[in-house]
Amino acid sequence: MTRRSRIWVQAGVLLLLFAILPITRSQAAAESAEFKGSWIANGTRTSFSFLKGRQVFTFQIGGHVSLQTALRGKKDYWSDCIGLADAATGISGRCVWKDLAGPELYVVLQSDRLEQGSPVKGTIVGGTGPLAGISGDFSFNWSSVIVQTDAQGIEELTGQTLNLAGRYRAP
């Protein structure tokens, strides 16, 4: 083989490696895993005057998400959620789960009701920092939901779940 032929073969091999390397690197970095834990949240709800006999309210809750199995290496997140509940159409909420180191995880919640025993579906729709590009889903049932009205007429809301479980995918 001539020197020129060897150079062309080496150049071809290098091009092939550069073409394959990004695919291999991204496949190796992909992560998919299950997680489990519990969530305790409290906050307020505000009733909204709507149709007679149809309960509608907004809510804002925050609390601690404590995972038994880590989600991207972390087991503790602090949640902050807002949402709308309508007795006829169900509940829709948006949450930010914050890692104490700073990265955030964005979550959408859907349910029929905000009360004890109600099943909730969660969808992970993104994140920041090491959580960027993450997706997934989870579910839980509220093991307790307590609503109390304080002396100023503010409705205080507390909820707890013990069976939060799901799966995530991260690039």
N, C-alpha and C. Protein backbone atom coordinates (compact mmCIF):
# COMPACT_ATOMS: atom_id res chain seq x y z
N MET A 1 0.85 -1.17 0.00
CA MET A 1 0.00 0.00 0.00
C MET A 1 0.89 1.23 0.00
N THR A 2 0.54 2.19 -0.80
CA THR A 2 1.35 3.40 -0.89
C THR A 2 1.04 4.32 0.28
N ARG A 3 1.94 5.25 0.46
CA ARG A 3 1.78 6.22 1.55
C ARG A 3 0.49 7.01 1.36
N ARG A 4 0.18 7.38 0.16
CA ARG A 4 -1.03 8.15 -0.14
C ARG A 4 -2.28 7.33 0.17
N SER A 5 -2.29 6.04 -0.18
CA SER A 5 -3.43 5.15 0.09
C SER A 5 -3.64 5.00 1.59
N ARG A 6 -2.52 4.87 2.34
CA ARG A 6 -2.62 4.76 3.80
C ARG A 6 -3.24 6.01 4.41
N ILE A 7 -2.88 7.16 3.92
CA ILE A 7 -3.43 8.41 4.44
C ILE A 7 -4.94 8.46 4.19
N TRP A 8 -5.37 8.04 3.00
CA TRP A 8 -6.80 8.03 2.68
C TRP A 8 -7.56 7.04 3.58
N VAL A 9 -6.98 5.89 3.85
CA VAL A 9 -7.61 4.90 4.72
C VAL A 9 -7.72 5.44 6.14
N GLN A 10 -6.63 6.07 6.62
CA GLN A 10 -6.64 6.63 7.97
C GLN A 10 -7.67 7.77 8.07
N ALA A 11 -7.74 8.59 7.04
CA ALA A 11 -8.72 9.68 7.04
C ALA A 11 -10.14 9.11 7.06
N GLY A 12 -10.39 8.06 6.30
CA GLY A 12 -11.71 7.42 6.29
C GLY A 12 -12.08 6.84 7.64
N VAL A 13 -11.11 6.20 8.30
CA VAL A 13 -11.36 5.64 9.63
C VAL A 13 -11.68 6.76 10.63
N LEU A 14 -10.95 7.86 10.57
CA LEU A 14 -11.20 8.99 11.46
C LEU A 14 -12.58 9.58 11.23
N LEU A 15 -12.98 9.74 9.99
CA LEU A 15 -14.32 10.26 9.69
C LEU A 15 -15.39 9.33 10.23
N LEU A 16 -15.19 8.03 10.07
CA LEU A 16 -16.14 7.06 10.59
C LEU A 16 -16.24 7.14 12.11
N LEU A 17 -15.11 7.27 12.80
CA LEU A 17 -15.11 7.40 14.26
C LEU A 17 -15.84 8.66 14.71
N PHE A 18 -15.59 9.77 14.01
CA PHE A 18 -16.26 11.02 14.37
C PHE A 18 -17.77 10.94 14.11
N ALA A 19 -18.17 10.18 13.13
CA ALA A 19 -19.59 10.01 12.84
C ALA A 19 -20.26 9.14 13.90
N ILE A 20 -19.59 8.12 14.40
CA ILE A 20 -20.16 7.19 15.36
C ILE A 20 -20.05 7.71 16.78
N LEU A 21 -19.00 8.42 17.13
CA LEU A 21 -18.73 8.85 18.49
C LEU A 21 -19.87 9.64 19.12
N PRO A 22 -20.48 10.64 18.46
CA PRO A 22 -21.57 11.37 19.11
C PRO A 22 -22.77 10.47 19.44
N ILE A 23 -23.07 9.51 18.59
CA ILE A 23 -24.19 8.61 18.87
C ILE A 23 -23.88 7.76 20.09
N THR A 24 -22.70 7.21 20.14
CA THR A 24 -22.30 6.38 21.27
C THR A 24 -22.30 7.17 22.56
N ARG A 25 -21.77 8.39 22.52
CA ARG A 25 -21.72 9.22 23.71
C ARG A 25 -23.12 9.55 24.21
N SER A 26 -24.05 9.93 23.34
CA SER A 26 -25.39 10.29 23.78
C SER A 26 -26.15 9.07 24.27
N GLN A 27 -25.96 7.90 23.66
CA GLN A 27 -26.63 6.71 24.14
C GLN A 27 -26.10 6.31 25.51
N ALA A 28 -24.83 6.46 25.74
CA ALA A 28 -24.26 6.09 27.03
C ALA A 28 -24.72 7.04 28.13
N ALA A 29 -24.98 8.31 27.79
CA ALA A 29 -25.35 9.29 28.80
C ALA A 29 -26.84 9.24 29.15
N ALA A 30 -27.67 8.61 28.31
CA ALA A 30 -29.10 8.53 28.59
C ALA A 30 -29.34 7.73 29.87
N GLU A 31 -30.33 8.17 30.62
CA GLU A 31 -30.63 7.53 31.90
C GLU A 31 -32.13 7.34 32.01
N SER A 32 -32.54 6.20 32.50
CA SER A 32 -33.94 5.90 32.74
C SER A 32 -34.01 5.09 34.02
N ALA A 33 -34.88 5.51 34.93
CA ALA A 33 -34.96 4.82 36.21
C ALA A 33 -36.32 5.06 36.86
N GLU A 34 -36.62 4.25 37.85
CA GLU A 34 -37.84 4.39 38.64
C GLU A 34 -37.51 5.14 39.94
N PHE A 35 -38.53 5.77 40.51
CA PHE A 35 -38.35 6.43 41.81
C PHE A 35 -39.61 6.23 42.64
N LYS A 36 -39.45 6.29 43.97
CA LYS A 36 -40.54 6.13 44.92
C LYS A 36 -40.34 7.10 46.06
N GLY A 37 -41.43 7.44 46.74
CA GLY A 37 -41.28 8.29 47.90
C GLY A 37 -42.61 8.76 48.45
N SER A 38 -42.55 9.87 49.15
CA SER A 38 -43.74 10.47 49.74
C SER A 38 -43.67 11.99 49.58
N TRP A 39 -44.80 12.62 49.80
CA TRP A 39 -44.89 14.07 49.63
C TRP A 39 -45.84 14.61 50.68
N ILE A 40 -45.39 15.63 51.39
CA ILE A 40 -46.24 16.34 52.35
C ILE A 40 -46.27 17.79 51.90
N ALA A 41 -47.48 18.33 51.75
CA ALA A 41 -47.62 19.71 51.28
C ALA A 41 -48.71 20.42 52.05
N ASN A 42 -48.55 21.72 52.22
CA ASN A 42 -49.61 22.50 52.83
C ASN A 42 -49.64 23.88 52.18
N GLY A 43 -50.75 24.55 52.34
CA GLY A 43 -50.91 25.87 51.75
C GLY A 43 -52.31 26.37 51.95
N THR A 44 -52.83 27.05 50.94
CA THR A 44 -54.17 27.63 51.04
C THR A 44 -54.98 27.31 49.79
N ARG A 45 -56.27 27.41 49.97
CA ARG A 45 -57.17 27.35 48.81
C ARG A 45 -58.14 28.51 48.92
N THR A 46 -58.56 29.00 47.78
CA THR A 46 -59.48 30.12 47.73
C THR A 46 -60.68 29.74 46.89
N SER A 47 -61.85 29.74 47.52
CA SER A 47 -63.08 29.42 46.79
C SER A 47 -63.39 30.50 45.78
N PHE A 48 -63.97 30.07 44.67
CA PHE A 48 -64.28 30.96 43.57
C PHE A 48 -65.77 30.82 43.28
N SER A 49 -66.49 31.93 43.28
CA SER A 49 -67.93 31.89 43.03
C SER A 49 -68.18 31.54 41.57
N PHE A 50 -68.88 30.43 41.36
CA PHE A 50 -69.15 29.97 40.00
C PHE A 50 -70.61 29.53 39.95
N LEU A 51 -70.95 28.52 39.23
CA LEU A 51 -72.33 28.06 39.16
C LEU A 51 -72.79 27.54 40.51
N LYS A 52 -74.05 27.72 40.79
CA LYS A 52 -74.62 27.23 42.05
C LYS A 52 -74.43 25.72 42.14
N GLY A 53 -73.87 25.27 43.26
CA GLY A 53 -73.66 23.85 43.49
C GLY A 53 -72.39 23.29 42.85
N ARG A 54 -71.64 24.12 42.19
CA ARG A 54 -70.40 23.65 41.55
C ARG A 54 -69.21 24.30 42.24
N GLN A 55 -68.48 23.52 43.03
CA GLN A 55 -67.35 24.03 43.80
C GLN A 55 -66.14 24.24 42.88
N VAL A 56 -65.61 25.45 42.91
CA VAL A 56 -64.41 25.81 42.15
C VAL A 56 -63.49 26.57 43.10
N PHE A 57 -62.20 26.22 43.08
CA PHE A 57 -61.25 26.96 43.90
C PHE A 57 -59.85 26.91 43.29
N THR A 58 -59.06 27.89 43.66
CA THR A 58 -57.64 27.88 43.32
C THR A 58 -56.89 27.42 44.56
N PHE A 59 -55.70 26.90 44.35
CA PHE A 59 -54.91 26.48 45.50
C PHE A 59 -53.43 26.76 45.25
N GLN A 60 -52.73 26.93 46.35
CA GLN A 60 -51.28 27.09 46.33
C GLN A 60 -50.74 26.28 47.50
N ILE A 61 -49.90 25.28 47.17
CA ILE A 61 -49.33 24.43 48.21
C ILE A 61 -47.83 24.29 47.99
N GLY A 62 -47.15 23.99 49.06
CA GLY A 62 -45.71 23.74 49.00
C GLY A 62 -45.33 22.76 50.08
N GLY A 63 -44.22 22.07 49.88
CA GLY A 63 -43.82 21.11 50.90
C GLY A 63 -42.61 20.30 50.49
N HIS A 64 -42.46 19.17 51.16
CA HIS A 64 -41.27 18.34 51.02
C HIS A 64 -41.58 17.06 50.25
N VAL A 65 -40.83 16.82 49.18
CA VAL A 65 -40.89 15.56 48.45
C VAL A 65 -39.68 14.75 48.92
N SER A 66 -39.94 13.65 49.59
CA SER A 66 -38.89 12.80 50.15
C SER A 66 -38.89 11.47 49.40
N LEU A 67 -37.85 11.24 48.61
CA LEU A 67 -37.78 10.03 47.81
C LEU A 67 -36.96 8.95 48.49
N GLN A 68 -37.42 7.70 48.39
CA GLN A 68 -36.66 6.56 48.89
C GLN A 68 -35.60 6.17 47.89
N THR A 69 -35.93 6.33 46.61
CA THR A 69 -34.98 6.06 45.52
C THR A 69 -34.74 7.38 44.81
N ALA A 70 -33.52 7.68 44.51
CA ALA A 70 -33.14 8.99 43.99
C ALA A 70 -33.67 9.24 42.58
N LEU A 71 -33.92 10.51 42.32
CA LEU A 71 -34.29 10.99 41.00
C LEU A 71 -33.12 11.85 40.54
N ARG A 72 -32.35 11.35 39.58
CA ARG A 72 -31.11 12.00 39.11
C ARG A 72 -30.15 12.27 40.27
N GLY A 73 -30.05 11.31 41.17
CA GLY A 73 -29.07 11.39 42.24
C GLY A 73 -29.53 12.15 43.48
N LYS A 74 -30.73 12.71 43.46
CA LYS A 74 -31.22 13.48 44.61
C LYS A 74 -32.47 12.83 45.19
N LYS A 75 -32.58 12.90 46.52
CA LYS A 75 -33.73 12.31 47.20
C LYS A 75 -34.65 13.34 47.84
N ASP A 76 -34.22 14.59 47.96
CA ASP A 76 -35.02 15.61 48.62
C ASP A 76 -35.28 16.79 47.69
N TYR A 77 -36.54 17.12 47.56
CA TYR A 77 -36.96 18.28 46.76
C TYR A 77 -37.98 19.07 47.58
N TRP A 78 -38.01 20.37 47.37
CA TRP A 78 -39.01 21.23 47.99
C TRP A 78 -39.97 21.67 46.89
N SER A 79 -41.25 21.45 47.12
CA SER A 79 -42.24 21.70 46.08
C SER A 79 -42.95 23.03 46.29
N ASP A 80 -43.37 23.60 45.16
CA ASP A 80 -44.19 24.81 45.15
C ASP A 80 -45.18 24.63 44.01
N CYS A 81 -46.49 24.60 44.33
CA CYS A 81 -47.51 24.30 43.32
C CYS A 81 -48.64 25.31 43.35
N ILE A 82 -49.21 25.55 42.17
CA ILE A 82 -50.44 26.32 42.05
C ILE A 82 -51.40 25.51 41.21
N GLY A 83 -52.70 25.75 41.38
CA GLY A 83 -53.64 24.99 40.58
C GLY A 83 -55.05 25.50 40.66
N LEU A 84 -55.89 24.87 39.85
CA LEU A 84 -57.31 25.16 39.78
C LEU A 84 -58.06 23.85 39.96
N ALA A 85 -59.07 23.89 40.82
CA ALA A 85 -59.93 22.72 41.03
C ALA A 85 -61.35 23.09 40.67
N ASP A 86 -62.00 22.22 39.91
CA ASP A 86 -63.39 22.41 39.50
C ASP A 86 -64.09 21.08 39.70
N ALA A 87 -65.14 21.06 40.50
CA ALA A 87 -65.84 19.82 40.81
C ALA A 87 -66.32 19.09 39.56
N ALA A 88 -66.56 19.82 38.46
CA ALA A 88 -67.07 19.20 37.23
C ALA A 88 -65.97 18.74 36.29
N THR A 89 -64.83 19.42 36.29
CA THR A 89 -63.79 19.09 35.30
C THR A 89 -62.50 18.54 35.90
N GLY A 90 -62.36 18.59 37.21
CA GLY A 90 -61.18 18.04 37.85
C GLY A 90 -60.17 19.10 38.25
N ILE A 91 -58.97 18.61 38.53
CA ILE A 91 -57.91 19.46 39.06
C ILE A 91 -56.73 19.48 38.11
N SER A 92 -56.16 20.66 37.94
CA SER A 92 -54.95 20.80 37.15
C SER A 92 -53.99 21.67 37.95
N GLY A 93 -52.77 21.19 38.12
CA GLY A 93 -51.78 21.93 38.89
C GLY A 93 -50.45 21.99 38.17
N ARG A 94 -49.66 22.97 38.52
CA ARG A 94 -48.30 23.13 38.00
C ARG A 94 -47.38 23.29 39.19
N CYS A 95 -46.29 22.49 39.19
CA CYS A 95 -45.38 22.47 40.33
C CYS A 95 -43.94 22.65 39.90
N VAL A 96 -43.18 23.23 40.79
CA VAL A 96 -41.72 23.28 40.67
C VAL A 96 -41.18 22.53 41.87
N TRP A 97 -40.39 21.47 41.61
CA TRP A 97 -39.68 20.77 42.67
C TRP A 97 -38.26 21.27 42.62
N LYS A 98 -37.79 21.84 43.73
CA LYS A 98 -36.46 22.43 43.77
C LYS A 98 -35.50 21.56 44.57
N ASP A 99 -34.36 21.30 43.96
CA ASP A 99 -33.26 20.63 44.65
C ASP A 99 -32.59 21.70 45.51
N LEU A 100 -32.15 21.35 46.69
CA LEU A 100 -31.51 22.34 47.57
C LEU A 100 -30.27 22.96 46.94
N ALA A 101 -29.64 22.27 45.97
CA ALA A 101 -28.46 22.80 45.29
C ALA A 101 -28.84 23.79 44.18
N GLY A 102 -30.14 23.92 43.86
CA GLY A 102 -30.57 24.90 42.88
C GLY A 102 -31.35 24.40 41.69
N PRO A 103 -31.03 23.24 41.09
CA PRO A 103 -31.78 22.80 39.92
C PRO A 103 -33.27 22.59 40.23
N GLU A 104 -34.10 22.84 39.22
CA GLU A 104 -35.54 22.71 39.36
C GLU A 104 -36.09 21.65 38.43
N LEU A 105 -37.18 21.01 38.86
CA LEU A 105 -37.90 20.00 38.10
C LEU A 105 -39.32 20.52 37.93
N TYR A 106 -39.85 20.48 36.69
CA TYR A 106 -41.18 21.02 36.42
C TYR A 106 -42.19 19.89 36.23
N VAL A 107 -43.32 20.01 36.93
CA VAL A 107 -44.29 18.92 37.01
C VAL A 107 -45.70 19.45 36.74
N VAL A 108 -46.51 18.67 36.01
CA VAL A 108 -47.93 18.94 35.79
C VAL A 108 -48.72 17.87 36.52
N LEU A 109 -49.75 18.28 37.29
CA LEU A 109 -50.60 17.35 38.03
C LEU A 109 -52.01 17.36 37.47
N GLN A 110 -52.64 16.19 37.43
CA GLN A 110 -54.03 16.04 36.99
C GLN A 110 -54.73 15.08 37.94
N SER A 111 -55.98 15.41 38.31
CA SER A 111 -56.76 14.55 39.17
C SER A 111 -58.23 14.90 39.03
N ASP A 112 -59.09 14.00 39.50
CA ASP A 112 -60.52 14.30 39.50
C ASP A 112 -60.91 15.17 40.69
N ARG A 113 -60.25 14.91 41.84
CA ARG A 113 -60.60 15.63 43.07
C ARG A 113 -59.35 15.85 43.92
N LEU A 114 -59.43 16.81 44.80
CA LEU A 114 -58.36 17.05 45.77
C LEU A 114 -58.91 16.65 47.14
N GLU A 115 -58.94 15.33 47.36
CA GLU A 115 -59.43 14.81 48.63
C GLU A 115 -58.79 13.46 48.91
N GLN A 116 -58.93 13.01 50.14
CA GLN A 116 -58.33 11.75 50.57
C GLN A 116 -58.72 10.60 49.64
N GLY A 117 -57.73 9.79 49.26
CA GLY A 117 -57.95 8.64 48.40
C GLY A 117 -57.93 8.94 46.91
N SER A 118 -57.96 10.20 46.54
CA SER A 118 -58.00 10.56 45.12
C SER A 118 -56.69 10.23 44.42
N PRO A 119 -56.78 9.53 43.27
CA PRO A 119 -55.56 9.26 42.50
C PRO A 119 -55.12 10.51 41.74
N VAL A 120 -53.81 10.71 41.67
CA VAL A 120 -53.24 11.86 40.97
C VAL A 120 -52.20 11.35 39.98
N LYS A 121 -52.23 11.90 38.78
CA LYS A 121 -51.22 11.60 37.76
C LYS A 121 -50.32 12.81 37.63
N GLY A 122 -49.02 12.55 37.63
CA GLY A 122 -48.04 13.62 37.45
C GLY A 122 -47.22 13.38 36.20
N THR A 123 -46.87 14.45 35.53
CA THR A 123 -46.02 14.38 34.34
C THR A 123 -44.83 15.31 34.55
N ILE A 124 -43.63 14.77 34.41
CA ILE A 124 -42.41 15.58 34.49
C ILE A 124 -42.18 16.16 33.09
N VAL A 125 -42.15 17.48 32.98
CA VAL A 125 -42.07 18.12 31.67
C VAL A 125 -40.75 18.84 31.40
N GLY A 126 -39.82 18.82 32.35
CA GLY A 126 -38.52 19.45 32.12
C GLY A 126 -37.84 19.82 33.41
N GLY A 127 -36.70 20.48 33.27
CA GLY A 127 -35.94 20.89 34.43
C GLY A 127 -34.80 21.80 34.04
N THR A 128 -34.00 22.18 35.03
CA THR A 128 -32.84 23.04 34.79
C THR A 128 -31.57 22.33 35.24
N GLY A 129 -30.42 22.85 34.80
CA GLY A 129 -29.13 22.27 35.19
C GLY A 129 -29.06 20.80 34.83
N PRO A 130 -28.66 19.94 35.78
CA PRO A 130 -28.56 18.51 35.49
C PRO A 130 -29.91 17.85 35.23
N LEU A 131 -31.01 18.57 35.47
CA LEU A 131 -32.35 18.06 35.21
C LEU A 131 -32.89 18.53 33.85
N ALA A 132 -32.12 19.29 33.09
CA ALA A 132 -32.56 19.78 31.78
C ALA A 132 -32.84 18.59 30.86
N GLY A 133 -33.97 18.66 30.15
CA GLY A 133 -34.33 17.61 29.21
C GLY A 133 -34.99 16.40 29.83
N ILE A 134 -35.20 16.41 31.14
CA ILE A 134 -35.81 15.26 31.81
C ILE A 134 -37.30 15.18 31.47
N SER A 135 -37.82 13.96 31.43
CA SER A 135 -39.25 13.73 31.23
C SER A 135 -39.64 12.49 32.04
N GLY A 136 -40.92 12.30 32.21
CA GLY A 136 -41.36 11.12 32.94
C GLY A 136 -42.77 11.26 33.44
N ASP A 137 -43.18 10.29 34.23
CA ASP A 137 -44.51 10.33 34.80
C ASP A 137 -44.50 9.61 36.15
N PHE A 138 -45.49 9.92 36.95
CA PHE A 138 -45.63 9.30 38.27
C PHE A 138 -47.08 9.36 38.69
N SER A 139 -47.40 8.68 39.76
CA SER A 139 -48.75 8.72 40.30
C SER A 139 -48.69 8.58 41.82
N PHE A 140 -49.79 8.96 42.45
CA PHE A 140 -49.94 8.78 43.89
C PHE A 140 -51.40 8.95 44.25
N ASN A 141 -51.74 8.57 45.46
CA ASN A 141 -53.06 8.84 46.04
C ASN A 141 -52.83 9.69 47.28
N TRP A 142 -53.71 10.65 47.48
CA TRP A 142 -53.62 11.42 48.72
C TRP A 142 -54.04 10.51 49.86
N SER A 143 -53.15 10.27 50.82
CA SER A 143 -53.51 9.46 51.98
C SER A 143 -54.30 10.29 52.98
N SER A 144 -54.13 11.61 52.93
CA SER A 144 -54.97 12.50 53.74
C SER A 144 -54.99 13.88 53.10
N VAL A 145 -56.12 14.53 53.19
CA VAL A 145 -56.27 15.92 52.77
C VAL A 145 -57.15 16.57 53.83
N ILE A 146 -56.63 17.62 54.44
CA ILE A 146 -57.36 18.32 55.50
C ILE A 146 -57.53 19.77 55.09
N VAL A 147 -58.76 20.28 55.18
CA VAL A 147 -59.04 21.68 54.92
C VAL A 147 -59.63 22.27 56.19
N GLN A 148 -59.00 23.32 56.69
CA GLN A 148 -59.48 24.02 57.88
C GLN A 148 -59.56 25.51 57.58
N THR A 149 -60.55 26.16 58.16
CA THR A 149 -60.69 27.60 57.98
C THR A 149 -60.18 28.29 59.24
N ASP A 150 -59.22 29.22 59.06
CA ASP A 150 -58.68 29.90 60.23
C ASP A 150 -59.59 31.07 60.64
N ALA A 151 -59.19 31.81 61.68
CA ALA A 151 -60.00 32.89 62.24
C ALA A 151 -60.27 34.02 61.24
N GLN A 152 -59.37 34.19 60.26
CA GLN A 152 -59.56 35.23 59.25
C GLN A 152 -60.35 34.72 58.04
N GLY A 153 -60.80 33.47 58.07
CA GLY A 153 -61.58 32.91 56.98
C GLY A 153 -60.75 32.31 55.86
N ILE A 154 -59.44 32.19 56.07
CA ILE A 154 -58.56 31.60 55.06
C ILE A 154 -58.63 30.09 55.16
N GLU A 155 -58.84 29.43 54.04
CA GLU A 155 -58.90 27.98 54.01
C GLU A 155 -57.49 27.41 53.89
N GLU A 156 -57.06 26.73 54.96
CA GLU A 156 -55.73 26.11 54.97
C GLU A 156 -55.87 24.67 54.51
N LEU A 157 -54.94 24.25 53.65
CA LEU A 157 -54.99 22.94 53.01
C LEU A 157 -53.71 22.18 53.34
N THR A 158 -53.86 20.94 53.79
CA THR A 158 -52.71 20.07 54.06
C THR A 158 -52.97 18.72 53.40
N GLY A 159 -51.96 18.21 52.69
CA GLY A 159 -52.10 16.92 52.04
C GLY A 159 -50.85 16.08 52.23
N GLN A 160 -51.06 14.77 52.26
CA GLN A 160 -49.94 13.85 52.43
C GLN A 160 -50.17 12.62 51.56
N THR A 161 -49.09 12.13 50.98
CA THR A 161 -49.14 10.89 50.22
C THR A 161 -47.98 10.01 50.65
N LEU A 162 -48.17 8.72 50.59
CA LEU A 162 -47.11 7.80 50.98
C LEU A 162 -46.72 6.87 49.84
N ASN A 163 -47.41 6.94 48.70
CA ASN A 163 -47.17 5.98 47.63
C ASN A 163 -46.81 6.64 46.30
N LEU A 164 -46.06 7.69 46.35
CA LEU A 164 -45.63 8.35 45.12
C LEU A 164 -44.62 7.43 44.41
N ALA A 165 -44.88 7.12 43.15
CA ALA A 165 -43.99 6.25 42.39
C ALA A 165 -44.07 6.59 40.91
N GLY A 166 -42.92 6.51 40.24
CA GLY A 166 -42.91 6.81 38.82
C GLY A 166 -41.60 6.44 38.15
N ARG A 167 -41.46 6.94 36.95
CA ARG A 167 -40.29 6.65 36.12
C ARG A 167 -39.88 7.93 35.40
N TYR A 168 -38.57 8.12 35.24
CA TYR A 168 -38.09 9.29 34.50
C TYR A 168 -37.08 8.86 33.45
N ARG A 169 -36.91 9.73 32.46
CA ARG A 169 -35.92 9.58 31.40
C ARG A 169 -35.17 10.89 31.29
N ALA A 170 -33.85 10.79 31.22
CA ALA A 170 -33.02 11.99 31.10
C ALA A 170 -31.96 11.77 30.04
N PRO A 171 -31.67 12.83 29.28
CA PRO A 171 -30.63 12.69 28.24
C PRO A 171 -29.24 12.53 28.83
